[in-house]
Amino acid sequence: MQEREFIKRLFNDLILLNRSIPIIVEGKRDRIALKKIGIKGKVILLHRGQNLYEFCEDVLRRHEKVILLLDWDRKGQQIYQKVSDLLKGHFEEYSLFRDTLIKLFGDEIKEVEEIPRILKGYGIL
């Protein structure tokens, strides 16, 4: 499969899953970026005035499963480690999305908000 088709399928799968499973992102610009690529389901902002423990407890009360799509810069990695520990057992089966983005674009981009630019470069958007 060509890289462009693989990327297109990856994001189509994310869009389909998001119909029933919320995506957690760091901030408003990340949510806007996901809307630009066709995400229509629930997107939860990490920074809402709660500490990470309270945030994760609230998420677990409301949702059985989530997709963690946090940035992969240094700060994003630190947040990801903390949040993934607190949400253990509720996100792992969907970690493929973030892991694949890091493998594909880790040298070009480090933030979710940059995804639309990359997809435009591939002629997907």
PDB file of N, CA and C in Angstrom:
ATOM      1  N   MET A   1       0.851  -1.182   0.000  1.00  0.00           N
ATOM      2  CA  MET A   1       0.000   0.000   0.000  1.00  0.00           C
ATOM      3  C   MET A   1       0.893   1.239   0.000  1.00  0.00           C
ATOM      4  N   GLN A   2       0.530   2.212  -0.797  1.00  0.00           N
ATOM      5  CA  GLN A   2       1.299   3.458  -0.855  1.00  0.00           C
ATOM      6  C   GLN A   2       1.128   4.240   0.443  1.00  0.00           C
ATOM      7  N   GLU A   3       2.146   5.051   0.735  1.00  0.00           N
ATOM      8  CA  GLU A   3       2.125   5.829   1.976  1.00  0.00           C
ATOM      9  C   GLU A   3       0.901   6.732   2.053  1.00  0.00           C
ATOM     10  N   ARG A   4       0.570   7.391   0.961  1.00  0.00           N
ATOM     11  CA  ARG A   4      -0.584   8.304   0.948  1.00  0.00           C
ATOM     12  C   ARG A   4      -1.879   7.560   1.293  1.00  0.00           C
ATOM     13  N   GLU A   5      -2.061   6.381   0.708  1.00  0.00           N
ATOM     14  CA  GLU A   5      -3.259   5.585   0.971  1.00  0.00           C
ATOM     15  C   GLU A   5      -3.286   5.089   2.415  1.00  0.00           C
ATOM     16  N   PHE A   6      -2.131   4.722   2.933  1.00  0.00           N
ATOM     17  CA  PHE A   6      -2.042   4.287   4.323  1.00  0.00           C
ATOM     18  C   PHE A   6      -2.451   5.420   5.263  1.00  0.00           C
ATOM     19  N   ILE A   7      -1.932   6.616   5.013  1.00  0.00           N
ATOM     20  CA  ILE A   7      -2.245   7.779   5.846  1.00  0.00           C
ATOM     21  C   ILE A   7      -3.738   8.101   5.758  1.00  0.00           C
ATOM     22  N   LYS A   8      -4.267   8.063   4.571  1.00  0.00           N
ATOM     23  CA  LYS A   8      -5.692   8.338   4.369  1.00  0.00           C
ATOM     24  C   LYS A   8      -6.546   7.335   5.145  1.00  0.00           C
ATOM     25  N   ARG A   9      -6.195   6.062   5.067  1.00  0.00           N
ATOM     26  CA  ARG A   9      -6.935   5.023   5.789  1.00  0.00           C
ATOM     27  C   ARG A   9      -6.807   5.208   7.297  1.00  0.00           C
ATOM     28  N   LEU A  10      -5.617   5.572   7.776  1.00  0.00           N
ATOM     29  CA  LEU A  10      -5.405   5.809   9.203  1.00  0.00           C
ATOM     30  C   LEU A  10      -6.367   6.877   9.730  1.00  0.00           C
ATOM     31  N   PHE A  11      -6.465   7.976   9.008  1.00  0.00           N
ATOM     32  CA  PHE A  11      -7.337   9.059   9.471  1.00  0.00           C
ATOM     33  C   PHE A  11      -8.813   8.731   9.270  1.00  0.00           C
ATOM     34  N   ASN A  12      -9.145   7.984   8.236  1.00  0.00           N
ATOM     35  CA  ASN A  12     -10.535   7.532   8.081  1.00  0.00           C
ATOM     36  C   ASN A  12     -10.934   6.633   9.240  1.00  0.00           C
ATOM     37  N   ASP A  13     -10.032   5.754   9.653  1.00  0.00           N
ATOM     38  CA  ASP A  13     -10.298   4.894  10.809  1.00  0.00           C
ATOM     39  C   ASP A  13     -10.483   5.719  12.084  1.00  0.00           C
ATOM     40  N   LEU A  14      -9.665   6.740  12.254  1.00  0.00           N
ATOM     41  CA  LEU A  14      -9.778   7.611  13.420  1.00  0.00           C
ATOM     42  C   LEU A  14     -11.137   8.320  13.423  1.00  0.00           C
ATOM     43  N   ILE A  15     -11.547   8.818  12.270  1.00  0.00           N
ATOM     44  CA  ILE A  15     -12.841   9.498  12.147  1.00  0.00           C
ATOM     45  C   ILE A  15     -13.979   8.538  12.508  1.00  0.00           C
ATOM     46  N   LEU A  16     -13.921   7.322  12.013  1.00  0.00           N
ATOM     47  CA  LEU A  16     -14.968   6.330  12.305  1.00  0.00           C
ATOM     48  C   LEU A  16     -15.002   5.969  13.792  1.00  0.00           C
ATOM     49  N   LEU A  17     -13.853   5.713  14.379  1.00  0.00           N
ATOM     50  CA  LEU A  17     -13.797   5.376  15.804  1.00  0.00           C
ATOM     51  C   LEU A  17     -14.317   6.514  16.676  1.00  0.00           C
ATOM     52  N   ASN A  18     -14.030   7.728  16.263  1.00  0.00           N
ATOM     53  CA  ASN A  18     -14.426   8.888  17.060  1.00  0.00           C
ATOM     54  C   ASN A  18     -15.938   9.084  17.109  1.00  0.00           C
ATOM     55  N   ARG A  19     -16.671   8.387  16.291  1.00  0.00           N
ATOM     56  CA  ARG A  19     -18.138   8.451  16.374  1.00  0.00           C
ATOM     57  C   ARG A  19     -18.626   7.944  17.729  1.00  0.00           C
ATOM     58  N   SER A  20     -17.870   7.007  18.326  1.00  0.00           N
ATOM     59  CA  SER A  20     -18.289   6.436  19.609  1.00  0.00           C
ATOM     60  C   SER A  20     -17.244   6.572  20.716  1.00  0.00           C
ATOM     61  N   ILE A  21     -16.024   6.944  20.354  1.00  0.00           N
ATOM     62  CA  ILE A  21     -14.949   7.031  21.348  1.00  0.00           C
ATOM     63  C   ILE A  21     -14.338   8.426  21.302  1.00  0.00           C
ATOM     64  N   PRO A  22     -14.329   9.131  22.448  1.00  0.00           N
ATOM     65  CA  PRO A  22     -13.766  10.485  22.454  1.00  0.00           C
ATOM     66  C   PRO A  22     -12.246  10.485  22.300  1.00  0.00           C
ATOM     67  N   ILE A  23     -11.757  11.577  21.751  1.00  0.00           N
ATOM     68  CA  ILE A  23     -10.320  11.797  21.600  1.00  0.00           C
ATOM     69  C   ILE A  23      -9.902  12.851  22.617  1.00  0.00           C
ATOM     70  N   ILE A  24      -8.830  12.600  23.344  1.00  0.00           N
ATOM     71  CA  ILE A  24      -8.294  13.573  24.292  1.00  0.00           C
ATOM     72  C   ILE A  24      -7.111  14.274  23.641  1.00  0.00           C
ATOM     73  N   VAL A  25      -7.155  15.613  23.617  1.00  0.00           N
ATOM     74  CA  VAL A  25      -6.069  16.436  23.090  1.00  0.00           C
ATOM     75  C   VAL A  25      -5.665  17.458  24.141  1.00  0.00           C
ATOM     76  N   GLU A  26      -4.540  18.118  23.911  1.00  0.00           N
ATOM     77  CA  GLU A  26      -4.035  19.065  24.902  1.00  0.00           C
ATOM     78  C   GLU A  26      -4.795  20.383  24.935  1.00  0.00           C
ATOM     79  N   GLY A  27      -5.146  20.924  23.776  1.00  0.00           N
ATOM     80  CA  GLY A  27      -5.753  22.249  23.802  1.00  0.00           C
ATOM     81  C   GLY A  27      -6.673  22.553  22.635  1.00  0.00           C
ATOM     82  N   LYS A  28      -7.159  23.785  22.624  1.00  0.00           N
ATOM     83  CA  LYS A  28      -8.149  24.225  21.639  1.00  0.00           C
ATOM     84  C   LYS A  28      -7.643  24.124  20.203  1.00  0.00           C
ATOM     85  N   ARG A  29      -6.390  24.489  19.968  1.00  0.00           N
ATOM     86  CA  ARG A  29      -5.861  24.431  18.593  1.00  0.00           C
ATOM     87  C   ARG A  29      -5.809  22.997  18.080  1.00  0.00           C
ATOM     88  N   ASP A  30      -5.564  22.051  18.978  1.00  0.00           N
ATOM     89  CA  ASP A  30      -5.582  20.643  18.589  1.00  0.00           C
ATOM     90  C   ASP A  30      -6.994  20.223  18.180  1.00  0.00           C
ATOM     91  N   ARG A  31      -7.985  20.655  18.958  1.00  0.00           N
ATOM     92  CA  ARG A  31      -9.382  20.324  18.626  1.00  0.00           C
ATOM     93  C   ARG A  31      -9.774  20.931  17.289  1.00  0.00           C
ATOM     94  N   ILE A  32      -9.380  22.168  17.048  1.00  0.00           N
ATOM     95  CA  ILE A  32      -9.672  22.830  15.769  1.00  0.00           C
ATOM     96  C   ILE A  32      -9.028  22.057  14.619  1.00  0.00           C
ATOM     97  N   ALA A  33      -7.792  21.622  14.810  1.00  0.00           N
ATOM     98  CA  ALA A  33      -7.087  20.861  13.768  1.00  0.00           C
ATOM     99  C   ALA A  33      -7.821  19.565  13.454  1.00  0.00           C
ATOM    100  N   LEU A  34      -8.302  18.873  14.485  1.00  0.00           N
ATOM    101  CA  LEU A  34      -9.024  17.627  14.246  1.00  0.00           C
ATOM    102  C   LEU A  34     -10.342  17.881  13.517  1.00  0.00           C
ATOM    103  N   LYS A  35     -11.004  18.960  13.838  1.00  0.00           N
ATOM    104  CA  LYS A  35     -12.251  19.302  13.126  1.00  0.00           C
ATOM    105  C   LYS A  35     -11.949  19.562  11.650  1.00  0.00           C
ATOM    106  N   LYS A  36     -10.811  20.184  11.365  1.00  0.00           N
ATOM    107  CA  LYS A  36     -10.421  20.463   9.981  1.00  0.00           C
ATOM    108  C   LYS A  36     -10.211  19.189   9.177  1.00  0.00           C
ATOM    109  N   ILE A  37      -9.797  18.120   9.830  1.00  0.00           N
ATOM    110  CA  ILE A  37      -9.552  16.874   9.089  1.00  0.00           C
ATOM    111  C   ILE A  37     -10.767  15.952   9.076  1.00  0.00           C
ATOM    112  N   GLY A  38     -11.886  16.418   9.636  1.00  0.00           N
ATOM    113  CA  GLY A  38     -13.125  15.662   9.531  1.00  0.00           C
ATOM    114  C   GLY A  38     -13.609  14.982  10.798  1.00  0.00           C
ATOM    115  N   ILE A  39     -12.953  15.226  11.916  1.00  0.00           N
ATOM    116  CA  ILE A  39     -13.402  14.654  13.186  1.00  0.00           C
ATOM    117  C   ILE A  39     -14.676  15.378  13.605  1.00  0.00           C
ATOM    118  N   LYS A  40     -15.736  14.610  13.830  1.00  0.00           N
ATOM    119  CA  LYS A  40     -17.027  15.207  14.205  1.00  0.00           C
ATOM    120  C   LYS A  40     -17.499  14.767  15.585  1.00  0.00           C
ATOM    121  N   GLY A  41     -16.856  13.758  16.151  1.00  0.00           N
ATOM    122  CA  GLY A  41     -17.246  13.245  17.460  1.00  0.00           C
ATOM    123  C   GLY A  41     -16.682  14.076  18.595  1.00  0.00           C
ATOM    124  N   LYS A  42     -16.777  13.538  19.780  1.00  0.00           N
ATOM    125  CA  LYS A  42     -16.345  14.242  20.988  1.00  0.00           C
ATOM    126  C   LYS A  42     -14.823  14.346  21.050  1.00  0.00           C
ATOM    127  N   VAL A  43     -14.352  15.563  21.294  1.00  0.00           N
ATOM    128  CA  VAL A  43     -12.927  15.831  21.511  1.00  0.00           C
ATOM    129  C   VAL A  43     -12.821  16.524  22.863  1.00  0.00           C
ATOM    130  N   ILE A  44     -12.092  15.913  23.772  1.00  0.00           N
ATOM    131  CA  ILE A  44     -11.974  16.413  25.141  1.00  0.00           C
ATOM    132  C   ILE A  44     -10.659  17.159  25.295  1.00  0.00           C
ATOM    133  N   LEU A  45     -10.748  18.385  25.821  1.00  0.00           N
ATOM    134  CA  LEU A  45      -9.547  19.187  26.061  1.00  0.00           C
ATOM    135  C   LEU A  45      -8.944  18.836  27.408  1.00  0.00           C
ATOM    136  N   LEU A  46      -7.653  18.566  27.405  1.00  0.00           N
ATOM    137  CA  LEU A  46      -6.946  18.195  28.627  1.00  0.00           C
ATOM    138  C   LEU A  46      -6.874  19.356  29.610  1.00  0.00           C
ATOM    139  N   HIS A  47      -6.587  20.537  29.125  1.00  0.00           N
ATOM    140  CA  HIS A  47      -6.391  21.686  30.012  1.00  0.00           C
ATOM    141  C   HIS A  47      -7.716  22.395  30.247  1.00  0.00           C
ATOM    142  N   ARG A  48      -8.396  21.986  31.330  1.00  0.00           N
ATOM    143  CA  ARG A  48      -9.696  22.564  31.663  1.00  0.00           C
ATOM    144  C   ARG A  48      -9.729  23.058  33.106  1.00  0.00           C
ATOM    145  N   GLY A  49      -8.577  23.365  33.671  1.00  0.00           N
ATOM    146  CA  GLY A  49      -8.541  23.882  35.037  1.00  0.00           C
ATOM    147  C   GLY A  49      -8.489  22.809  36.113  1.00  0.00           C
ATOM    148  N   GLN A  50      -8.469  21.541  35.728  1.00  0.00           N
ATOM    149  CA  GLN A  50      -8.353  20.458  36.697  1.00  0.00           C
ATOM    150  C   GLN A  50      -6.912  19.960  36.709  1.00  0.00           C
ATOM    151  N   ASN A  51      -6.510  19.348  37.817  1.00  0.00           N
ATOM    152  CA  ASN A  51      -5.212  18.680  37.769  1.00  0.00           C
ATOM    153  C   ASN A  51      -5.398  17.375  36.999  1.00  0.00           C
ATOM    154  N   LEU A  52      -4.312  16.731  36.626  1.00  0.00           N
ATOM    155  CA  LEU A  52      -4.404  15.544  35.765  1.00  0.00           C
ATOM    156  C   LEU A  52      -5.173  14.402  36.427  1.00  0.00           C
ATOM    157  N   TYR A  53      -4.991  14.231  37.711  1.00  0.00           N
ATOM    158  CA  TYR A  53      -5.713  13.164  38.409  1.00  0.00           C
ATOM    159  C   TYR A  53      -7.222  13.399  38.340  1.00  0.00           C
ATOM    160  N   GLU A  54      -7.652  14.617  38.673  1.00  0.00           N
ATOM    161  CA  GLU A  54      -9.087  14.939  38.629  1.00  0.00           C
ATOM    162  C   GLU A  54      -9.634  14.808  37.209  1.00  0.00           C
ATOM    163  N   PHE A  55      -8.856  15.277  36.247  1.00  0.00           N
ATOM    164  CA  PHE A  55      -9.270  15.184  34.856  1.00  0.00           C
ATOM    165  C   PHE A  55      -9.508  13.721  34.473  1.00  0.00           C
ATOM    166  N   CYS A  56      -8.549  12.862  34.770  1.00  0.00           N
ATOM    167  CA  CYS A  56      -8.654  11.453  34.387  1.00  0.00           C
ATOM    168  C   CYS A  56      -9.793  10.755  35.128  1.00  0.00           C
ATOM    169  N   GLU A  57      -9.977  11.074  36.387  1.00  0.00           N
ATOM    170  CA  GLU A  57     -11.099  10.498  37.134  1.00  0.00           C
ATOM    171  C   GLU A  57     -12.428  10.901  36.493  1.00  0.00           C
ATOM    172  N   ASP A  58     -12.539  12.150  36.088  1.00  0.00           N
ATOM    173  CA  ASP A  58     -13.750  12.637  35.425  1.00  0.00           C
ATOM    174  C   ASP A  58     -13.969  11.906  34.101  1.00  0.00           C
ATOM    175  N   VAL A  59     -12.916  11.750  33.323  1.00  0.00           N
ATOM    176  CA  VAL A  59     -13.006  11.034  32.043  1.00  0.00           C
ATOM    177  C   VAL A  59     -13.468   9.598  32.276  1.00  0.00           C
ATOM    178  N   LEU A  60     -12.899   8.924  33.256  1.00  0.00           N
ATOM    179  CA  LEU A  60     -13.244   7.530  33.519  1.00  0.00           C
ATOM    180  C   LEU A  60     -14.682   7.365  34.009  1.00  0.00           C
ATOM    181  N   ARG A  61     -15.216   8.368  34.678  1.00  0.00           N
ATOM    182  CA  ARG A  61     -16.615   8.322  35.097  1.00  0.00           C
ATOM    183  C   ARG A  61     -17.556   8.402  33.892  1.00  0.00           C
ATOM    184  N   ARG A  62     -17.108   9.108  32.859  1.00  0.00           N
ATOM    185  CA  ARG A  62     -17.974   9.366  31.704  1.00  0.00           C
ATOM    186  C   ARG A  62     -17.761   8.431  30.519  1.00  0.00           C
ATOM    187  N   HIS A  63     -16.556   7.861  30.396  1.00  0.00           N
ATOM    188  CA  HIS A  63     -16.211   7.089  29.197  1.00  0.00           C
ATOM    189  C   HIS A  63     -15.459   5.815  29.560  1.00  0.00           C
ATOM    190  N   GLU A  64     -15.832   4.737  28.896  1.00  0.00           N
ATOM    191  CA  GLU A  64     -15.151   3.461  29.124  1.00  0.00           C
ATOM    192  C   GLU A  64     -13.815   3.410  28.396  1.00  0.00           C
ATOM    193  N   LYS A  65     -13.776   3.969  27.183  1.00  0.00           N
ATOM    194  CA  LYS A  65     -12.573   3.974  26.352  1.00  0.00           C
ATOM    195  C   LYS A  65     -12.327   5.381  25.828  1.00  0.00           C
ATOM    196  N   VAL A  66     -11.055   5.710  25.577  1.00  0.00           N
ATOM    197  CA  VAL A  66     -10.677   6.999  24.987  1.00  0.00           C
ATOM    198  C   VAL A  66      -9.500   6.790  24.039  1.00  0.00           C
ATOM    199  N   ILE A  67      -9.320   7.765  23.163  1.00  0.00           N
ATOM    200  CA  ILE A  67      -8.157   7.806  22.282  1.00  0.00           C
ATOM    201  C   ILE A  67      -7.289   8.953  22.764  1.00  0.00           C
ATOM    202  N   LEU A  68      -6.053   8.666  23.159  1.00  0.00           N
ATOM    203  CA  LEU A  68      -5.120   9.713  23.593  1.00  0.00           C
ATOM    204  C   LEU A  68      -4.347  10.199  22.374  1.00  0.00           C
ATOM    205  N   LEU A  69      -4.529  11.459  22.047  1.00  0.00           N
ATOM    206  CA  LEU A  69      -3.816  12.037  20.913  1.00  0.00           C
ATOM    207  C   LEU A  69      -3.121  13.310  21.391  1.00  0.00           C
ATOM    208  N   LEU A  70      -2.130  13.101  22.251  1.00  0.00           N
ATOM    209  CA  LEU A  70      -1.377  14.216  22.821  1.00  0.00           C
ATOM    210  C   LEU A  70      -0.127  14.462  21.997  1.00  0.00           C
ATOM    211  N   ASP A  71       0.352  15.696  22.026  1.00  0.00           N
ATOM    212  CA  ASP A  71       1.547  16.070  21.261  1.00  0.00           C
ATOM    213  C   ASP A  71       2.715  15.157  21.626  1.00  0.00           C
ATOM    214  N   TRP A  72       3.692  15.088  20.729  1.00  0.00           N
ATOM    215  CA  TRP A  72       4.864  14.245  20.981  1.00  0.00           C
ATOM    216  C   TRP A  72       6.136  15.078  21.089  1.00  0.00           C
ATOM    217  N   ASP A  73       5.992  16.369  21.402  1.00  0.00           N
ATOM    218  CA  ASP A  73       7.159  17.159  21.796  1.00  0.00           C
ATOM    219  C   ASP A  73       7.512  16.776  23.233  1.00  0.00           C
ATOM    220  N   ARG A  74       8.546  17.381  23.794  1.00  0.00           N
ATOM    221  CA  ARG A  74       9.000  16.992  25.137  1.00  0.00           C
ATOM    222  C   ARG A  74       7.897  17.148  26.175  1.00  0.00           C
ATOM    223  N   LYS A  75       7.224  18.296  26.179  1.00  0.00           N
ATOM    224  CA  LYS A  75       6.147  18.545  27.138  1.00  0.00           C
ATOM    225  C   LYS A  75       4.988  17.564  26.922  1.00  0.00           C
ATOM    226  N   GLY A  76       4.630  17.337  25.667  1.00  0.00           N
ATOM    227  CA  GLY A  76       3.549  16.408  25.350  1.00  0.00           C
ATOM    228  C   GLY A  76       3.861  14.992  25.812  1.00  0.00           C
ATOM    229  N   GLN A  77       5.116  14.585  25.650  1.00  0.00           N
ATOM    230  CA  GLN A  77       5.529  13.253  26.094  1.00  0.00           C
ATOM    231  C   GLN A  77       5.395  13.118  27.616  1.00  0.00           C
ATOM    232  N   GLN A  78       5.761  14.171  28.337  1.00  0.00           N
ATOM    233  CA  GLN A  78       5.650  14.139  29.790  1.00  0.00           C
ATOM    234  C   GLN A  78       4.187  14.021  30.219  1.00  0.00           C
ATOM    235  N   ILE A  79       3.336  14.805  29.580  1.00  0.00           N
ATOM    236  CA  ILE A  79       1.906  14.749  29.898  1.00  0.00           C
ATOM    237  C   ILE A  79       1.349  13.380  29.534  1.00  0.00           C
ATOM    238  N   TYR A  80       1.754  12.868  28.373  1.00  0.00           N
ATOM    239  CA  TYR A  80       1.284  11.557  27.922  1.00  0.00           C
ATOM    240  C   TYR A  80       1.618  10.472  28.942  1.00  0.00           C
ATOM    241  N   GLN A  81       2.835  10.501  29.473  1.00  0.00           N
ATOM    242  CA  GLN A  81       3.238   9.494  30.460  1.00  0.00           C
ATOM    243  C   GLN A  81       2.329   9.530  31.686  1.00  0.00           C
ATOM    244  N   LYS A  82       2.057  10.733  32.181  1.00  0.00           N
ATOM    245  CA  LYS A  82       1.224  10.871  33.382  1.00  0.00           C
ATOM    246  C   LYS A  82      -0.212  10.445  33.105  1.00  0.00           C
ATOM    247  N   VAL A  83      -0.775  10.935  32.010  1.00  0.00           N
ATOM    248  CA  VAL A  83      -2.168  10.633  31.679  1.00  0.00           C
ATOM    249  C   VAL A  83      -2.330   9.144  31.356  1.00  0.00           C
ATOM    250  N   SER A  84      -1.386   8.575  30.636  1.00  0.00           N
ATOM    251  CA  SER A  84      -1.503   7.154  30.284  1.00  0.00           C
ATOM    252  C   SER A  84      -1.451   6.264  31.531  1.00  0.00           C
ATOM    253  N   ASP A  85      -0.675   6.663  32.531  1.00  0.00           N
ATOM    254  CA  ASP A  85      -0.662   5.915  33.791  1.00  0.00           C
ATOM    255  C   ASP A  85      -2.032   5.983  34.474  1.00  0.00           C
ATOM    256  N   LEU A  86      -2.635   7.160  34.471  1.00  0.00           N
ATOM    257  CA  LEU A  86      -3.919   7.357  35.143  1.00  0.00           C
ATOM    258  C   LEU A  86      -5.088   6.722  34.378  1.00  0.00           C
ATOM    259  N   LEU A  87      -4.947   6.580  33.072  1.00  0.00           N
ATOM    260  CA  LEU A  87      -6.022   5.999  32.251  1.00  0.00           C
ATOM    261  C   LEU A  87      -5.717   4.561  31.835  1.00  0.00           C
ATOM    262  N   LYS A  88      -4.772   3.938  32.498  1.00  0.00           N
ATOM    263  CA  LYS A  88      -4.350   2.574  32.146  1.00  0.00           C
ATOM    264  C   LYS A  88      -5.564   1.653  32.010  1.00  0.00           C
ATOM    265  N   GLY A  89      -5.567   0.904  30.898  1.00  0.00           N
ATOM    266  CA  GLY A  89      -6.660  -0.021  30.639  1.00  0.00           C
ATOM    267  C   GLY A  89      -7.812   0.573  29.849  1.00  0.00           C
ATOM    268  N   HIS A  90      -7.733   1.860  29.515  1.00  0.00           N
ATOM    269  CA  HIS A  90      -8.849   2.528  28.838  1.00  0.00           C
ATOM    270  C   HIS A  90      -8.477   3.155  27.497  1.00  0.00           C
ATOM    271  N   PHE A  91      -7.212   3.067  27.095  1.00  0.00           N
ATOM    272  CA  PHE A  91      -6.804   3.726  25.859  1.00  0.00           C
ATOM    273  C   PHE A  91      -5.857   2.896  24.991  1.00  0.00           C
ATOM    274  N   GLU A  92      -5.231   1.902  25.555  1.00  0.00           N
ATOM    275  CA  GLU A  92      -4.110   1.223  24.894  1.00  0.00           C
ATOM    276  C   GLU A  92      -4.451   0.666  23.517  1.00  0.00           C
ATOM    277  N   GLU A  93      -5.653   0.138  23.352  1.00  0.00           N
ATOM    278  CA  GLU A  93      -5.986  -0.466  22.057  1.00  0.00           C
ATOM    279  C   GLU A  93      -6.045   0.570  20.936  1.00  0.00           C
ATOM    280  N   TYR A  94      -6.066   1.852  21.282  1.00  0.00           N
ATOM    281  CA  TYR A  94      -6.091   2.922  20.279  1.00  0.00           C
ATOM    282  C   TYR A  94      -4.782   3.708  20.226  1.00  0.00           C
ATOM    283  N   SER A  95      -3.774   3.269  20.948  1.00  0.00           N
ATOM    284  CA  SER A  95      -2.499   3.992  20.963  1.00  0.00           C
ATOM    285  C   SER A  95      -1.777   3.900  19.619  1.00  0.00           C
ATOM    286  N   LEU A  96      -2.238   3.000  18.760  1.00  0.00           N
ATOM    287  CA  LEU A  96      -1.664   2.863  17.425  1.00  0.00           C
ATOM    288  C   LEU A  96      -1.695   4.186  16.652  1.00  0.00           C
ATOM    289  N   PHE A  97      -2.741   4.972  16.831  1.00  0.00           N
ATOM    290  CA  PHE A  97      -2.847   6.231  16.092  1.00  0.00           C
ATOM    291  C   PHE A  97      -1.680   7.156  16.416  1.00  0.00           C
ATOM    292  N   ARG A  98      -1.482   7.430  17.680  1.00  0.00           N
ATOM    293  CA  ARG A  98      -0.399   8.329  18.091  1.00  0.00           C
ATOM    294  C   ARG A  98       0.958   7.736  17.736  1.00  0.00           C
ATOM    295  N   ASP A  99       1.142   6.450  18.002  1.00  0.00           N
ATOM    296  CA  ASP A  99       2.418   5.791  17.700  1.00  0.00           C
ATOM    297  C   ASP A  99       2.742   5.870  16.210  1.00  0.00           C
ATOM    298  N   THR A 100       1.733   5.660  15.376  1.00  0.00           N
ATOM    299  CA  THR A 100       1.940   5.705  13.927  1.00  0.00           C
ATOM    300  C   THR A 100       2.256   7.119  13.462  1.00  0.00           C
ATOM    301  N   LEU A 101       1.577   8.104  14.022  1.00  0.00           N
ATOM    302  CA  LEU A 101       1.872   9.506  13.663  1.00  0.00           C
ATOM    303  C   LEU A 101       3.313   9.856  14.014  1.00  0.00           C
ATOM    304  N   ILE A 102       3.775   9.398  15.158  1.00  0.00           N
ATOM    305  CA  ILE A 102       5.157   9.668  15.562  1.00  0.00           C
ATOM    306  C   ILE A 102       6.127   9.016  14.583  1.00  0.00           C
ATOM    307  N   LYS A 103       5.853   7.774  14.196  1.00  0.00           N
ATOM    308  CA  LYS A 103       6.740   7.076  13.253  1.00  0.00           C
ATOM    309  C   LYS A 103       6.732   7.738  11.878  1.00  0.00           C
ATOM    310  N   LEU A 104       5.545   8.143  11.425  1.00  0.00           N
ATOM    311  CA  LEU A 104       5.428   8.737  10.089  1.00  0.00           C
ATOM    312  C   LEU A 104       5.951  10.168  10.023  1.00  0.00           C
ATOM    313  N   PHE A 105       5.608  10.976  11.023  1.00  0.00           N
ATOM    314  CA  PHE A 105       5.846  12.421  10.930  1.00  0.00           C
ATOM    315  C   PHE A 105       6.686  12.993  12.051  1.00  0.00           C
ATOM    316  N   GLY A 106       7.251  12.146  12.903  1.00  0.00           N
ATOM    317  CA  GLY A 106       7.973  12.612  14.085  1.00  0.00           C
ATOM    318  C   GLY A 106       9.071  13.612  13.816  1.00  0.00           C
ATOM    319  N   ASP A 107       9.682  13.536  12.637  1.00  0.00           N
ATOM    320  CA  ASP A 107      10.736  14.497  12.301  1.00  0.00           C
ATOM    321  C   ASP A 107      10.166  15.798  11.737  1.00  0.00           C
ATOM    322  N   GLU A 108       8.970  15.739  11.158  1.00  0.00           N
ATOM    323  CA  GLU A 108       8.371  16.912  10.503  1.00  0.00           C
ATOM    324  C   GLU A 108       7.486  17.728  11.425  1.00  0.00           C
ATOM    325  N   ILE A 109       6.716  17.042  12.267  1.00  0.00           N
ATOM    326  CA  ILE A 109       5.812  17.738  13.182  1.00  0.00           C
ATOM    327  C   ILE A 109       5.885  17.101  14.561  1.00  0.00           C
ATOM    328  N   LYS A 110       5.509  17.863  15.567  1.00  0.00           N
ATOM    329  CA  LYS A 110       5.526  17.383  16.946  1.00  0.00           C
ATOM    330  C   LYS A 110       4.208  17.637  17.662  1.00  0.00           C
ATOM    331  N   GLU A 111       3.240  18.260  16.950  1.00  0.00           N
ATOM    332  CA  GLU A 111       1.997  18.667  17.595  1.00  0.00           C
ATOM    333  C   GLU A 111       0.790  18.278  16.760  1.00  0.00           C
ATOM    334  N   VAL A 112      -0.289  17.938  17.434  1.00  0.00           N
ATOM    335  CA  VAL A 112      -1.536  17.565  16.772  1.00  0.00           C
ATOM    336  C   VAL A 112      -2.028  18.695  15.872  1.00  0.00           C
ATOM    337  N   GLU A 113      -1.852  19.920  16.300  1.00  0.00           N
ATOM    338  CA  GLU A 113      -2.360  21.051  15.521  1.00  0.00           C
ATOM    339  C   GLU A 113      -1.713  21.166  14.139  1.00  0.00           C
ATOM    340  N   GLU A 114      -0.599  20.478  13.925  1.00  0.00           N
ATOM    341  CA  GLU A 114       0.090  20.526  12.633  1.00  0.00           C
ATOM    342  C   GLU A 114      -0.388  19.460  11.644  1.00  0.00           C
ATOM    343  N   ILE A 115      -1.247  18.559  12.074  1.00  0.00           N
ATOM    344  CA  ILE A 115      -1.711  17.466  11.217  1.00  0.00           C
ATOM    345  C   ILE A 115      -2.366  17.960   9.922  1.00  0.00           C
ATOM    346  N   PRO A 116      -3.258  18.961   9.953  1.00  0.00           N
ATOM    347  CA  PRO A 116      -3.859  19.393   8.689  1.00  0.00           C
ATOM    348  C   PRO A 116      -2.836  19.832   7.641  1.00  0.00           C
ATOM    349  N   ARG A 117      -1.777  20.482   8.066  1.00  0.00           N
ATOM    350  CA  ARG A 117      -0.737  20.926   7.132  1.00  0.00           C
ATOM    351  C   ARG A 117      -0.075  19.725   6.449  1.00  0.00           C
ATOM    352  N   ILE A 118       0.217  18.708   7.226  1.00  0.00           N
ATOM    353  CA  ILE A 118       0.834  17.498   6.673  1.00  0.00           C
ATOM    354  C   ILE A 118      -0.130  16.816   5.683  1.00  0.00           C
ATOM    355  N   LEU A 119      -1.395  16.718   6.057  1.00  0.00           N
ATOM    356  CA  LEU A 119      -2.362  16.063   5.174  1.00  0.00           C
ATOM    357  C   LEU A 119      -2.561  16.839   3.886  1.00  0.00           C
ATOM    358  N   LYS A 120      -2.496  18.147   3.975  1.00  0.00           N
ATOM    359  CA  LYS A 120      -2.561  18.965   2.744  1.00  0.00           C
ATOM    360  C   LYS A 120      -1.368  18.657   1.847  1.00  0.00           C
ATOM    361  N   GLY A 121      -0.198  18.500   2.452  1.00  0.00           N
ATOM    362  CA  GLY A 121       1.005  18.184   1.687  1.00  0.00           C
ATOM    363  C   GLY A 121       0.907  16.850   0.959  1.00  0.00           C
ATOM    364  N   TYR A 122       0.139  15.931   1.495  1.00  0.00           N
ATOM    365  CA  TYR A 122      -0.074  14.639   0.850  1.00  0.00           C
ATOM    366  C   TYR A 122      -1.271  14.660  -0.108  1.00  0.00           C
ATOM    367  N   GLY A 123      -1.941  15.817  -0.196  1.00  0.00           N
ATOM    368  CA  GLY A 123      -3.111  15.926  -1.060  1.00  0.00           C
ATOM    369  C   GLY A 123      -4.329  15.207  -0.511  1.00  0.00           C
ATOM    370  N   ILE A 124      -4.356  14.985   0.791  1.00  0.00           N
ATOM    371  CA  ILE A 124      -5.480  14.284   1.430  1.00  0.00           C
ATOM    372  C   ILE A 124      -6.567  15.271   1.832  1.00  0.00           C
ATOM    373  N   LEU A 125      -6.189  16.463   2.184  1.00  0.00           N
ATOM    374  CA  LEU A 125      -7.171  17.505   2.551  1.00  0.00           C
ATOM    375  C   LEU A 125      -7.384  18.453   1.397  1.00  0.00           C
TER     376      LEU A 125
END
